[in-house]
Amino acid sequence: MKTNFNKMKTDVIAKELNLLRKALEEADRVRLAKGVDEATRVELERASVVLRVRERELVNEIGVEIAAQIKESSESLEKLARTIRQRNARLSKTAKGTDSVTKALERVVEAVVLLKRLA
């Protein structure tokens, strides 16, 4: 559920960023056009500054969101690694037990072979 919300939030931010960038392009195009009076040019520059500030805020928000997703993923990976280590430890114990039984059986077989030779 949280992942869907994060995806929706990221989509909204991406759309807003896209609109901001289009607005910035348009403001720059008009500001640099011939025949624009100084007052309009100054107002467009101020608008561009406000748009750039918002753009930085959104980029920062995306960075925070990505960091949270990475942290969430790393917690899952740590849990998985812990589970793998536990299972590996159990498998190692089983392998050691199997080795012990194998060695014991080898000794029994050697003893039976030795007894047959003696008999």
PDB file of N, CA and C in Angstrom:
ATOM      1  N   MET A   1       0.831  -1.196   0.000  1.00  0.00           N
ATOM      2  CA  MET A   1       0.000   0.000   0.000  1.00  0.00           C
ATOM      3  C   MET A   1       0.870   1.252   0.000  1.00  0.00           C
ATOM      4  N   LYS A   2       1.909   1.244   0.845  1.00  0.00           N
ATOM      5  CA  LYS A   2       2.789   2.397   0.950  1.00  0.00           C
ATOM      6  C   LYS A   2       3.520   2.648  -0.370  1.00  0.00           C
ATOM      7  N   THR A   3       3.904   1.571  -1.051  1.00  0.00           N
ATOM      8  CA  THR A   3       4.610   1.697  -2.315  1.00  0.00           C
ATOM      9  C   THR A   3       3.728   2.352  -3.366  1.00  0.00           C
ATOM     10  N   ASN A   4       2.435   1.985  -3.411  1.00  0.00           N
ATOM     11  CA  ASN A   4       1.519   2.609  -4.366  1.00  0.00           C
ATOM     12  C   ASN A   4       1.384   4.098  -4.099  1.00  0.00           C
ATOM     13  N   PHE A   5       1.297   4.479  -2.815  1.00  0.00           N
ATOM     14  CA  PHE A   5       1.212   5.889  -2.462  1.00  0.00           C
ATOM     15  C   PHE A   5       2.482   6.613  -2.902  1.00  0.00           C
ATOM     16  N   ASN A   6       3.636   6.005  -2.646  1.00  0.00           N
ATOM     17  CA  ASN A   6       4.909   6.606  -3.047  1.00  0.00           C
ATOM     18  C   ASN A   6       4.976   6.782  -4.557  1.00  0.00           C
ATOM     19  N   LYS A   7       4.493   5.780  -5.306  1.00  0.00           N
ATOM     20  CA  LYS A   7       4.503   5.873  -6.758  1.00  0.00           C
ATOM     21  C   LYS A   7       3.593   7.004  -7.221  1.00  0.00           C
ATOM     22  N   MET A   8       2.414   7.109  -6.607  1.00  0.00           N
ATOM     23  CA  MET A   8       1.484   8.182  -6.976  1.00  0.00           C
ATOM     24  C   MET A   8       2.106   9.541  -6.670  1.00  0.00           C
ATOM     25  N   LYS A   9       2.744   9.641  -5.505  1.00  0.00           N
ATOM     26  CA  LYS A   9       3.371  10.900  -5.112  1.00  0.00           C
ATOM     27  C   LYS A   9       4.491  11.261  -6.090  1.00  0.00           C
ATOM     28  N   THR A  10       5.286  10.271  -6.451  1.00  0.00           N
ATOM     29  CA  THR A  10       6.381  10.501  -7.396  1.00  0.00           C
ATOM     30  C   THR A  10       5.833  10.919  -8.750  1.00  0.00           C
ATOM     31  N   ASP A  11       4.735  10.302  -9.185  1.00  0.00           N
ATOM     32  CA  ASP A  11       4.116  10.676 -10.461  1.00  0.00           C
ATOM     33  C   ASP A  11       3.625  12.125 -10.438  1.00  0.00           C
ATOM     34  N   VAL A  12       3.010  12.532  -9.331  1.00  0.00           N
ATOM     35  CA  VAL A  12       2.524  13.906  -9.199  1.00  0.00           C
ATOM     36  C   VAL A  12       3.701  14.882  -9.256  1.00  0.00           C
ATOM     37  N   ILE A  13       4.769  14.548  -8.548  1.00  0.00           N
ATOM     38  CA  ILE A  13       5.955  15.415  -8.548  1.00  0.00           C
ATOM     39  C   ILE A  13       6.548  15.492  -9.954  1.00  0.00           C
ATOM     40  N   ALA A  14       6.616  14.374 -10.643  1.00  0.00           N
ATOM     41  CA  ALA A  14       7.163  14.359 -12.006  1.00  0.00           C
ATOM     42  C   ALA A  14       6.335  15.232 -12.940  1.00  0.00           C
ATOM     43  N   LYS A  15       5.017  15.159 -12.807  1.00  0.00           N
ATOM     44  CA  LYS A  15       4.145  15.989 -13.649  1.00  0.00           C
ATOM     45  C   LYS A  15       4.351  17.469 -13.345  1.00  0.00           C
ATOM     46  N   GLU A  16       4.447  17.794 -12.044  1.00  0.00           N
ATOM     47  CA  GLU A  16       4.663  19.193 -11.673  1.00  0.00           C
ATOM     48  C   GLU A  16       6.015  19.694 -12.193  1.00  0.00           C
ATOM     49  N   LEU A  17       7.027  18.842 -12.081  1.00  0.00           N
ATOM     50  CA  LEU A  17       8.351  19.220 -12.603  1.00  0.00           C
ATOM     51  C   LEU A  17       8.284  19.484 -14.105  1.00  0.00           C
ATOM     52  N   ASN A  18       7.577  18.642 -14.818  1.00  0.00           N
ATOM     53  CA  ASN A  18       7.440  18.817 -16.254  1.00  0.00           C
ATOM     54  C   ASN A  18       6.767  20.149 -16.576  1.00  0.00           C
ATOM     55  N   LEU A  19       5.687  20.459 -15.846  1.00  0.00           N
ATOM     56  CA  LEU A  19       4.999  21.742 -16.060  1.00  0.00           C
ATOM     57  C   LEU A  19       5.905  22.929 -15.725  1.00  0.00           C
ATOM     58  N   LEU A  20       6.647  22.800 -14.631  1.00  0.00           N
ATOM     59  CA  LEU A  20       7.571  23.869 -14.238  1.00  0.00           C
ATOM     60  C   LEU A  20       8.609  24.122 -15.323  1.00  0.00           C
ATOM     61  N   ARG A  21       9.152  23.060 -15.850  1.00  0.00           N
ATOM     62  CA  ARG A  21      10.198  23.200 -16.875  1.00  0.00           C
ATOM     63  C   ARG A  21       9.644  23.831 -18.143  1.00  0.00           C
ATOM     64  N   LYS A  22       8.418  23.465 -18.509  1.00  0.00           N
ATOM     65  CA  LYS A  22       7.782  24.098 -19.674  1.00  0.00           C
ATOM     66  C   LYS A  22       7.552  25.586 -19.417  1.00  0.00           C
ATOM     67  N   ALA A  23       7.109  25.917 -18.195  1.00  0.00           N
ATOM     68  CA  ALA A  23       6.873  27.322 -17.843  1.00  0.00           C
ATOM     69  C   ALA A  23       8.184  28.100 -17.871  1.00  0.00           C
ATOM     70  N   LEU A  24       9.245  27.476 -17.382  1.00  0.00           N
ATOM     71  CA  LEU A  24      10.562  28.139 -17.413  1.00  0.00           C
ATOM     72  C   LEU A  24      11.021  28.385 -18.851  1.00  0.00           C
ATOM     73  N   GLU A  25      10.822  27.399 -19.711  1.00  0.00           N
ATOM     74  CA  GLU A  25      11.208  27.562 -21.116  1.00  0.00           C
ATOM     75  C   GLU A  25      10.430  28.716 -21.756  1.00  0.00           C
ATOM     76  N   GLU A  26       9.143  28.746 -21.468  1.00  0.00           N
ATOM     77  CA  GLU A  26       8.308  29.804 -22.052  1.00  0.00           C
ATOM     78  C   GLU A  26       8.705  31.180 -21.503  1.00  0.00           C
ATOM     79  N   ALA A  27       8.955  31.258 -20.207  1.00  0.00           N
ATOM     80  CA  ALA A  27       9.365  32.537 -19.609  1.00  0.00           C
ATOM     81  C   ALA A  27      10.684  33.002 -20.212  1.00  0.00           C
ATOM     82  N   ASP A  28      11.619  32.086 -20.403  1.00  0.00           N
ATOM     83  CA  ASP A  28      12.907  32.460 -21.014  1.00  0.00           C
ATOM     84  C   ASP A  28      12.722  32.883 -22.468  1.00  0.00           C
ATOM     85  N   ARG A  29      11.872  32.169 -23.182  1.00  0.00           N
ATOM     86  CA  ARG A  29      11.644  32.512 -24.589  1.00  0.00           C
ATOM     87  C   ARG A  29      11.078  33.922 -24.718  1.00  0.00           C
ATOM     88  N   VAL A  30      10.067  34.229 -23.896  1.00  0.00           N
ATOM     89  CA  VAL A  30       9.444  35.557 -23.961  1.00  0.00           C
ATOM     90  C   VAL A  30      10.412  36.625 -23.460  1.00  0.00           C
ATOM     91  N   ARG A  31      11.119  36.334 -22.361  1.00  0.00           N
ATOM     92  CA  ARG A  31      12.042  37.306 -21.757  1.00  0.00           C
ATOM     93  C   ARG A  31      13.154  37.698 -22.736  1.00  0.00           C
ATOM     94  N   LEU A  32      13.604  36.735 -23.538  1.00  0.00           N
ATOM     95  CA  LEU A  32      14.711  37.003 -24.454  1.00  0.00           C
ATOM     96  C   LEU A  32      14.250  37.483 -25.838  1.00  0.00           C
ATOM     97  N   ALA A  33      12.952  37.540 -26.040  1.00  0.00           N
ATOM     98  CA  ALA A  33      12.419  37.976 -27.336  1.00  0.00           C
ATOM     99  C   ALA A  33      12.677  39.467 -27.546  1.00  0.00           C
ATOM    100  N   LYS A  34      12.783  39.833 -28.800  1.00  0.00           N
ATOM    101  CA  LYS A  34      12.977  41.247 -29.134  1.00  0.00           C
ATOM    102  C   LYS A  34      11.684  42.006 -28.868  1.00  0.00           C
ATOM    103  N   GLY A  35      11.837  43.222 -28.445  1.00  0.00           N
ATOM    104  CA  GLY A  35      10.691  44.101 -28.254  1.00  0.00           C
ATOM    105  C   GLY A  35      10.006  43.980 -26.897  1.00  0.00           C
ATOM    106  N   VAL A  36      10.563  43.200 -25.978  1.00  0.00           N
ATOM    107  CA  VAL A  36       9.962  43.077 -24.647  1.00  0.00           C
ATOM    108  C   VAL A  36      10.471  44.242 -23.802  1.00  0.00           C
ATOM    109  N   ASP A  37       9.516  44.954 -23.154  1.00  0.00           N
ATOM    110  CA  ASP A  37       9.938  46.107 -22.354  1.00  0.00           C
ATOM    111  C   ASP A  37      10.637  45.637 -21.076  1.00  0.00           C
ATOM    112  N   GLU A  38      11.374  46.546 -20.470  1.00  0.00           N
ATOM    113  CA  GLU A  38      12.212  46.225 -19.300  1.00  0.00           C
ATOM    114  C   GLU A  38      11.385  45.731 -18.116  1.00  0.00           C
ATOM    115  N   ALA A  39      10.239  46.317 -17.876  1.00  0.00           N
ATOM    116  CA  ALA A  39       9.400  45.911 -16.744  1.00  0.00           C
ATOM    117  C   ALA A  39       8.929  44.463 -16.912  1.00  0.00           C
ATOM    118  N   THR A  40       8.537  44.111 -18.129  1.00  0.00           N
ATOM    119  CA  THR A  40       8.112  42.725 -18.399  1.00  0.00           C
ATOM    120  C   THR A  40       9.287  41.769 -18.242  1.00  0.00           C
ATOM    121  N   ARG A  41      10.427  42.166 -18.741  1.00  0.00           N
ATOM    122  CA  ARG A  41      11.630  41.334 -18.642  1.00  0.00           C
ATOM    123  C   ARG A  41      11.978  41.079 -17.169  1.00  0.00           C
ATOM    124  N   VAL A  42      11.935  42.123 -16.334  1.00  0.00           N
ATOM    125  CA  VAL A  42      12.241  41.982 -14.905  1.00  0.00           C
ATOM    126  C   VAL A  42      11.215  41.060 -14.239  1.00  0.00           C
ATOM    127  N   GLU A  43       9.938  41.234 -14.589  1.00  0.00           N
ATOM    128  CA  GLU A  43       8.886  40.393 -14.005  1.00  0.00           C
ATOM    129  C   GLU A  43       9.075  38.931 -14.410  1.00  0.00           C
ATOM    130  N   LEU A  44       9.463  38.672 -15.636  1.00  0.00           N
ATOM    131  CA  LEU A  44       9.705  37.308 -16.097  1.00  0.00           C
ATOM    132  C   LEU A  44      10.921  36.702 -15.393  1.00  0.00           C
ATOM    133  N   GLU A  45      11.935  37.506 -15.144  1.00  0.00           N
ATOM    134  CA  GLU A  45      13.111  37.022 -14.408  1.00  0.00           C
ATOM    135  C   GLU A  45      12.727  36.642 -12.982  1.00  0.00           C
ATOM    136  N   ARG A  46      11.891  37.452 -12.342  1.00  0.00           N
ATOM    137  CA  ARG A  46      11.426  37.123 -10.986  1.00  0.00           C
ATOM    138  C   ARG A  46      10.608  35.825 -10.998  1.00  0.00           C
ATOM    139  N   ALA A  47       9.753  35.705 -11.986  1.00  0.00           N
ATOM    140  CA  ALA A  47       8.947  34.488 -12.107  1.00  0.00           C
ATOM    141  C   ALA A  47       9.850  33.276 -12.316  1.00  0.00           C
ATOM    142  N   SER A  48      10.887  33.439 -13.110  1.00  0.00           N
ATOM    143  CA  SER A  48      11.833  32.343 -13.348  1.00  0.00           C
ATOM    144  C   SER A  48      12.526  31.928 -12.057  1.00  0.00           C
ATOM    145  N   VAL A  49      12.876  32.904 -11.234  1.00  0.00           N
ATOM    146  CA  VAL A  49      13.530  32.601  -9.958  1.00  0.00           C
ATOM    147  C   VAL A  49      12.588  31.792  -9.069  1.00  0.00           C
ATOM    148  N   VAL A  50      11.328  32.220  -9.004  1.00  0.00           N
ATOM    149  CA  VAL A  50      10.343  31.505  -8.189  1.00  0.00           C
ATOM    150  C   VAL A  50      10.161  30.073  -8.719  1.00  0.00           C
ATOM    151  N   LEU A  51      10.082  29.933 -10.030  1.00  0.00           N
ATOM    152  CA  LEU A  51       9.928  28.609 -10.631  1.00  0.00           C
ATOM    153  C   LEU A  51      11.143  27.725 -10.356  1.00  0.00           C
ATOM    154  N   ARG A  52      12.337  28.297 -10.414  1.00  0.00           N
ATOM    155  CA  ARG A  52      13.567  27.520 -10.141  1.00  0.00           C
ATOM    156  C   ARG A  52      13.610  27.068  -8.673  1.00  0.00           C
ATOM    157  N   VAL A  53      13.158  27.935  -7.778  1.00  0.00           N
ATOM    158  CA  VAL A  53      13.121  27.562  -6.349  1.00  0.00           C
ATOM    159  C   VAL A  53      12.192  26.372  -6.164  1.00  0.00           C
ATOM    160  N   ARG A  54      11.021  26.430  -6.776  1.00  0.00           N
ATOM    161  CA  ARG A  54      10.063  25.319  -6.657  1.00  0.00           C
ATOM    162  C   ARG A  54      10.633  24.053  -7.297  1.00  0.00           C
ATOM    163  N   GLU A  55      11.311  24.216  -8.418  1.00  0.00           N
ATOM    164  CA  GLU A  55      11.929  23.072  -9.091  1.00  0.00           C
ATOM    165  C   GLU A  55      12.941  22.390  -8.167  1.00  0.00           C
ATOM    166  N   ARG A  56      13.762  23.176  -7.490  1.00  0.00           N
ATOM    167  CA  ARG A  56      14.747  22.615  -6.543  1.00  0.00           C
ATOM    168  C   ARG A  56      14.053  21.900  -5.390  1.00  0.00           C
ATOM    169  N   GLU A  57      12.959  22.474  -4.905  1.00  0.00           N
ATOM    170  CA  GLU A  57      12.204  21.836  -3.817  1.00  0.00           C
ATOM    171  C   GLU A  57      11.681  20.467  -4.254  1.00  0.00           C
ATOM    172  N   LEU A  58      11.153  20.411  -5.469  1.00  0.00           N
ATOM    173  CA  LEU A  58      10.629  19.139  -5.971  1.00  0.00           C
ATOM    174  C   LEU A  58      11.732  18.113  -6.180  1.00  0.00           C
ATOM    175  N   VAL A  59      12.849  18.550  -6.712  1.00  0.00           N
ATOM    176  CA  VAL A  59      13.979  17.636  -6.906  1.00  0.00           C
ATOM    177  C   VAL A  59      14.455  17.115  -5.555  1.00  0.00           C
ATOM    178  N   ASN A  60      14.503  17.995  -4.567  1.00  0.00           N
ATOM    179  CA  ASN A  60      14.891  17.583  -3.220  1.00  0.00           C
ATOM    180  C   ASN A  60      13.889  16.578  -2.649  1.00  0.00           C
ATOM    181  N   GLU A  61      12.611  16.830  -2.884  1.00  0.00           N
ATOM    182  CA  GLU A  61      11.562  15.932  -2.393  1.00  0.00           C
ATOM    183  C   GLU A  61      11.702  14.546  -3.028  1.00  0.00           C
ATOM    184  N   ILE A  62      12.006  14.518  -4.310  1.00  0.00           N
ATOM    185  CA  ILE A  62      12.230  13.241  -4.988  1.00  0.00           C
ATOM    186  C   ILE A  62      13.429  12.531  -4.370  1.00  0.00           C
ATOM    187  N   GLY A  63      14.480  13.283  -4.078  1.00  0.00           N
ATOM    188  CA  GLY A  63      15.669  12.696  -3.451  1.00  0.00           C
ATOM    189  C   GLY A  63      15.347  12.078  -2.101  1.00  0.00           C
ATOM    190  N   VAL A  64      14.537  12.768  -1.321  1.00  0.00           N
ATOM    191  CA  VAL A  64      14.137  12.252  -0.009  1.00  0.00           C
ATOM    192  C   VAL A  64      13.304  10.986  -0.186  1.00  0.00           C
ATOM    193  N   GLU A  65      12.412  11.011  -1.149  1.00  0.00           N
ATOM    194  CA  GLU A  65      11.554   9.854  -1.421  1.00  0.00           C
ATOM    195  C   GLU A  65      12.391   8.653  -1.862  1.00  0.00           C
ATOM    196  N   ILE A  66      13.344   8.876  -2.719  1.00  0.00           N
ATOM    197  CA  ILE A  66      14.215   7.793  -3.182  1.00  0.00           C
ATOM    198  C   ILE A  66      15.038   7.245  -2.021  1.00  0.00           C
ATOM    199  N   ALA A  67      15.536   8.123  -1.175  1.00  0.00           N
ATOM    200  CA  ALA A  67      16.308   7.674  -0.012  1.00  0.00           C
ATOM    201  C   ALA A  67      15.450   6.803   0.903  1.00  0.00           C
ATOM    202  N   ALA A  68      14.191   7.186   1.081  1.00  0.00           N
ATOM    203  CA  ALA A  68      13.287   6.388   1.926  1.00  0.00           C
ATOM    204  C   ALA A  68      13.033   5.020   1.301  1.00  0.00           C
ATOM    205  N   GLN A  69      12.877   4.977  -0.009  1.00  0.00           N
ATOM    206  CA  GLN A  69      12.655   3.703  -0.692  1.00  0.00           C
ATOM    207  C   GLN A  69      13.898   2.816  -0.591  1.00  0.00           C
ATOM    208  N   ILE A  70      15.071   3.419  -0.707  1.00  0.00           N
ATOM    209  CA  ILE A  70      16.314   2.652  -0.581  1.00  0.00           C
ATOM    210  C   ILE A  70      16.435   2.091   0.826  1.00  0.00           C
ATOM    211  N   LYS A  71      16.102   2.906   1.810  1.00  0.00           N
ATOM    212  CA  LYS A  71      16.178   2.441   3.198  1.00  0.00           C
ATOM    213  C   LYS A  71      15.204   1.289   3.418  1.00  0.00           C
ATOM    214  N   GLU A  72      13.994   1.431   2.898  1.00  0.00           N
ATOM    215  CA  GLU A  72      12.991   0.374   3.032  1.00  0.00           C
ATOM    216  C   GLU A  72      13.474  -0.913   2.360  1.00  0.00           C
ATOM    217  N   SER A  73      14.062  -0.772   1.185  1.00  0.00           N
ATOM    218  CA  SER A  73      14.588  -1.945   0.475  1.00  0.00           C
ATOM    219  C   SER A  73      15.749  -2.568   1.229  1.00  0.00           C
ATOM    220  N   SER A  74      16.612  -1.740   1.786  1.00  0.00           N
ATOM    221  CA  SER A  74      17.767  -2.284   2.494  1.00  0.00           C
ATOM    222  C   SER A  74      17.339  -3.041   3.741  1.00  0.00           C
ATOM    223  N   GLU A  75      16.268  -2.583   4.388  1.00  0.00           N
ATOM    224  CA  GLU A  75      15.757  -3.307   5.555  1.00  0.00           C
ATOM    225  C   GLU A  75      15.271  -4.693   5.144  1.00  0.00           C
ATOM    226  N   SER A  76      14.587  -4.777   4.008  1.00  0.00           N
ATOM    227  CA  SER A  76      14.125  -6.073   3.505  1.00  0.00           C
ATOM    228  C   SER A  76      15.312  -6.960   3.156  1.00  0.00           C
ATOM    229  N   LEU A  77      16.321  -6.363   2.540  1.00  0.00           N
ATOM    230  CA  LEU A  77      17.509  -7.137   2.173  1.00  0.00           C
ATOM    231  C   LEU A  77      18.255  -7.623   3.406  1.00  0.00           C
ATOM    232  N   GLU A  78      18.320  -6.791   4.431  1.00  0.00           N
ATOM    233  CA  GLU A  78      18.982  -7.207   5.673  1.00  0.00           C
ATOM    234  C   GLU A  78      18.235  -8.376   6.301  1.00  0.00           C
ATOM    235  N   LYS A  79      16.913  -8.317   6.279  1.00  0.00           N
ATOM    236  CA  LYS A  79      16.113  -9.410   6.829  1.00  0.00           C
ATOM    237  C   LYS A  79      16.356 -10.686   6.029  1.00  0.00           C
ATOM    238  N   LEU A  80      16.382 -10.573   4.722  1.00  0.00           N
ATOM    239  CA  LEU A  80      16.643 -11.727   3.863  1.00  0.00           C
ATOM    240  C   LEU A  80      18.039 -12.297   4.129  1.00  0.00           C
ATOM    241  N   ALA A  81      19.037 -11.428   4.258  1.00  0.00           N
ATOM    242  CA  ALA A  81      20.403 -11.882   4.539  1.00  0.00           C
ATOM    243  C   ALA A  81      20.464 -12.614   5.875  1.00  0.00           C
ATOM    244  N   ARG A  82      19.752 -12.106   6.872  1.00  0.00           N
ATOM    245  CA  ARG A  82      19.705 -12.751   8.187  1.00  0.00           C
ATOM    246  C   ARG A  82      19.104 -14.156   8.069  1.00  0.00           C
ATOM    247  N   THR A  83      18.022 -14.266   7.313  1.00  0.00           N
ATOM    248  CA  THR A  83      17.369 -15.566   7.103  1.00  0.00           C
ATOM    249  C   THR A  83      18.310 -16.531   6.390  1.00  0.00           C
ATOM    250  N   ILE A  84      19.004 -16.044   5.384  1.00  0.00           N
ATOM    251  CA  ILE A  84      19.944 -16.888   4.641  1.00  0.00           C
ATOM    252  C   ILE A  84      21.061 -17.370   5.551  1.00  0.00           C
ATOM    253  N   ARG A  85      21.594 -16.475   6.381  1.00  0.00           N
ATOM    254  CA  ARG A  85      22.664 -16.878   7.310  1.00  0.00           C
ATOM    255  C   ARG A  85      22.170 -17.940   8.289  1.00  0.00           C
ATOM    256  N   GLN A  86      20.940 -17.779   8.785  1.00  0.00           N
ATOM    257  CA  GLN A  86      20.385 -18.769   9.707  1.00  0.00           C
ATOM    258  C   GLN A  86      20.229 -20.128   9.026  1.00  0.00           C
ATOM    259  N   ARG A  87      19.727 -20.127   7.827  1.00  0.00           N
ATOM    260  CA  ARG A  87      19.544 -21.387   7.101  1.00  0.00           C
ATOM    261  C   ARG A  87      20.892 -22.011   6.759  1.00  0.00           C
ATOM    262  N   ASN A  88      21.848 -21.173   6.425  1.00  0.00           N
ATOM    263  CA  ASN A  88      23.192 -21.672   6.133  1.00  0.00           C
ATOM    264  C   ASN A  88      23.795 -22.331   7.371  1.00  0.00           C
ATOM    265  N   ALA A  89      23.578 -21.738   8.527  1.00  0.00           N
ATOM    266  CA  ALA A  89      24.091 -22.313   9.779  1.00  0.00           C
ATOM    267  C   ALA A  89      23.451 -23.674  10.028  1.00  0.00           C
ATOM    268  N   ARG A  90      22.133 -23.772   9.791  1.00  0.00           N
ATOM    269  CA  ARG A  90      21.448 -25.058   9.975  1.00  0.00           C
ATOM    270  C   ARG A  90      21.963 -26.099   8.992  1.00  0.00           C
ATOM    271  N   LEU A  91      22.186 -25.687   7.744  1.00  0.00           N
ATOM    272  CA  LEU A  91      22.710 -26.623   6.745  1.00  0.00           C
ATOM    273  C   LEU A  91      24.117 -27.079   7.122  1.00  0.00           C
ATOM    274  N   SER A  92      24.910 -26.172   7.666  1.00  0.00           N
ATOM    275  CA  SER A  92      26.267 -26.533   8.090  1.00  0.00           C
ATOM    276  C   SER A  92      26.211 -27.573   9.206  1.00  0.00           C
ATOM    277  N   LYS A  93      25.288 -27.393  10.142  1.00  0.00           N
ATOM    278  CA  LYS A  93      25.136 -28.361  11.234  1.00  0.00           C
ATOM    279  C   LYS A  93      24.722 -29.723  10.665  1.00  0.00           C
ATOM    280  N   THR A  94      23.808 -29.713   9.702  1.00  0.00           N
ATOM    281  CA  THR A  94      23.368 -30.959   9.082  1.00  0.00           C
ATOM    282  C   THR A  94      24.529 -31.634   8.363  1.00  0.00           C
ATOM    283  N   ALA A  95      25.320 -30.844   7.649  1.00  0.00           N
ATOM    284  CA  ALA A  95      26.467 -31.400   6.936  1.00  0.00           C
ATOM    285  C   ALA A  95      27.481 -31.989   7.916  1.00  0.00           C
ATOM    286  N   LYS A  96      27.725 -31.307   9.013  1.00  0.00           N
ATOM    287  CA  LYS A  96      28.658 -31.824  10.022  1.00  0.00           C
ATOM    288  C   LYS A  96      28.132 -33.125  10.621  1.00  0.00           C
ATOM    289  N   GLY A  97      26.826 -33.163  10.883  1.00  0.00           N
ATOM    290  CA  GLY A  97      26.216 -34.383  11.418  1.00  0.00           C
ATOM    291  C   GLY A  97      26.339 -35.534  10.438  1.00  0.00           C
ATOM    292  N   THR A  98      26.110 -35.244   9.161  1.00  0.00           N
ATOM    293  CA  THR A  98      26.231 -36.261   8.116  1.00  0.00           C
ATOM    294  C   THR A  98      27.664 -36.770   8.035  1.00  0.00           C
ATOM    295  N   ASP A  99      28.634 -35.868   8.128  1.00  0.00           N
ATOM    296  CA  ASP A  99      30.041 -36.277   8.123  1.00  0.00           C
ATOM    297  C   ASP A  99      30.345 -37.198   9.293  1.00  0.00           C
ATOM    298  N   SER A 100      29.831 -36.877  10.469  1.00  0.00           N
ATOM    299  CA  SER A 100      30.060 -37.708  11.656  1.00  0.00           C
ATOM    300  C   SER A 100      29.469 -39.097  11.480  1.00  0.00           C
ATOM    301  N   VAL A 101      28.245 -39.164  10.957  1.00  0.00           N
ATOM    302  CA  VAL A 101      27.596 -40.455  10.732  1.00  0.00           C
ATOM    303  C   VAL A 101      28.366 -41.249   9.684  1.00  0.00           C
ATOM    304  N   THR A 102      28.793 -40.569   8.624  1.00  0.00           N
ATOM    305  CA  THR A 102      29.567 -41.246   7.573  1.00  0.00           C
ATOM    306  C   THR A 102      30.849 -41.837   8.138  1.00  0.00           C
ATOM    307  N   LYS A 103      31.564 -41.063   8.938  1.00  0.00           N
ATOM    308  CA  LYS A 103      32.813 -41.550   9.547  1.00  0.00           C
ATOM    309  C   LYS A 103      32.545 -42.740  10.467  1.00  0.00           C
ATOM    310  N   ALA A 104      31.454 -42.680  11.221  1.00  0.00           N
ATOM    311  CA  ALA A 104      31.101 -43.788  12.116  1.00  0.00           C
ATOM    312  C   ALA A 104      30.785 -45.040  11.309  1.00  0.00           C
ATOM    313  N   LEU A 105      30.037 -44.883  10.206  1.00  0.00           N
ATOM    314  CA  LEU A 105      29.720 -46.027   9.356  1.00  0.00           C
ATOM    315  C   LEU A 105      30.974 -46.618   8.728  1.00  0.00           C
ATOM    316  N   GLU A 106      31.895 -45.761   8.318  1.00  0.00           N
ATOM    317  CA  GLU A 106      33.159 -46.248   7.751  1.00  0.00           C
ATOM    318  C   GLU A 106      33.914 -47.090   8.772  1.00  0.00           C
ATOM    319  N   ARG A 107      33.926 -46.652  10.025  1.00  0.00           N
ATOM    320  CA  ARG A 107      34.609 -47.418  11.079  1.00  0.00           C
ATOM    321  C   ARG A 107      33.931 -48.764  11.312  1.00  0.00           C
ATOM    322  N   VAL A 108      32.582 -48.752  11.271  1.00  0.00           N
ATOM    323  CA  VAL A 108      31.855 -50.008  11.447  1.00  0.00           C
ATOM    324  C   VAL A 108      32.184 -50.964  10.306  1.00  0.00           C
ATOM    325  N   VAL A 109      32.175 -50.456   9.082  1.00  0.00           N
ATOM    326  CA  VAL A 109      32.493 -51.293   7.915  1.00  0.00           C
ATOM    327  C   VAL A 109      33.913 -51.844   8.047  1.00  0.00           C
ATOM    328  N   GLU A 110      34.866 -50.983   8.438  1.00  0.00           N
ATOM    329  CA  GLU A 110      36.249 -51.449   8.632  1.00  0.00           C
ATOM    330  C   GLU A 110      36.307 -52.543   9.696  1.00  0.00           C
ATOM    331  N   ALA A 111      35.526 -52.367  10.765  1.00  0.00           N
ATOM    332  CA  ALA A 111      35.509 -53.382  11.830  1.00  0.00           C
ATOM    333  C   ALA A 111      34.915 -54.681  11.332  1.00  0.00           C
ATOM    334  N   VAL A 112      33.848 -54.618  10.535  1.00  0.00           N
ATOM    335  CA  VAL A 112      33.224 -55.828   9.995  1.00  0.00           C
ATOM    336  C   VAL A 112      34.192 -56.527   9.062  1.00  0.00           C
ATOM    337  N   VAL A 113      34.860 -55.768   8.211  1.00  0.00           N
ATOM    338  CA  VAL A 113      35.842 -56.348   7.276  1.00  0.00           C
ATOM    339  C   VAL A 113      36.961 -57.009   8.071  1.00  0.00           C
ATOM    340  N   LEU A 114      37.446 -56.352   9.093  1.00  0.00           N
ATOM    341  CA  LEU A 114      38.504 -56.913   9.925  1.00  0.00           C
ATOM    342  C   LEU A 114      38.049 -58.193  10.622  1.00  0.00           C
ATOM    343  N   LEU A 115      36.804 -58.208  11.136  1.00  0.00           N
ATOM    344  CA  LEU A 115      36.277 -59.398  11.781  1.00  0.00           C
ATOM    345  C   LEU A 115      36.115 -60.559  10.806  1.00  0.00           C
ATOM    346  N   LYS A 116      35.715 -60.267   9.579  1.00  0.00           N
ATOM    347  CA  LYS A 116      35.590 -61.320   8.560  1.00  0.00           C
ATOM    348  C   LYS A 116      36.949 -61.935   8.247  1.00  0.00           C
ATOM    349  N   ARG A 117      37.976 -61.080   8.201  1.00  0.00           N
ATOM    350  CA  ARG A 117      39.327 -61.594   7.917  1.00  0.00           C
ATOM    351  C   ARG A 117      39.807 -62.510   9.052  1.00  0.00           C
ATOM    352  N   LEU A 118      39.476 -62.115  10.255  1.00  0.00           N
ATOM    353  CA  LEU A 118      39.918 -62.878  11.418  1.00  0.00           C
ATOM    354  C   LEU A 118      39.118 -64.183  11.559  1.00  0.00           C
ATOM    355  N   ALA A 119      37.927 -64.200  11.048  1.00  0.00           N
ATOM    356  CA  ALA A 119      37.079 -65.391  11.245  1.00  0.00           C
ATOM    357  C   ALA A 119      37.390 -66.502  10.290  1.00  0.00           C
TER     358      ALA A 119
END
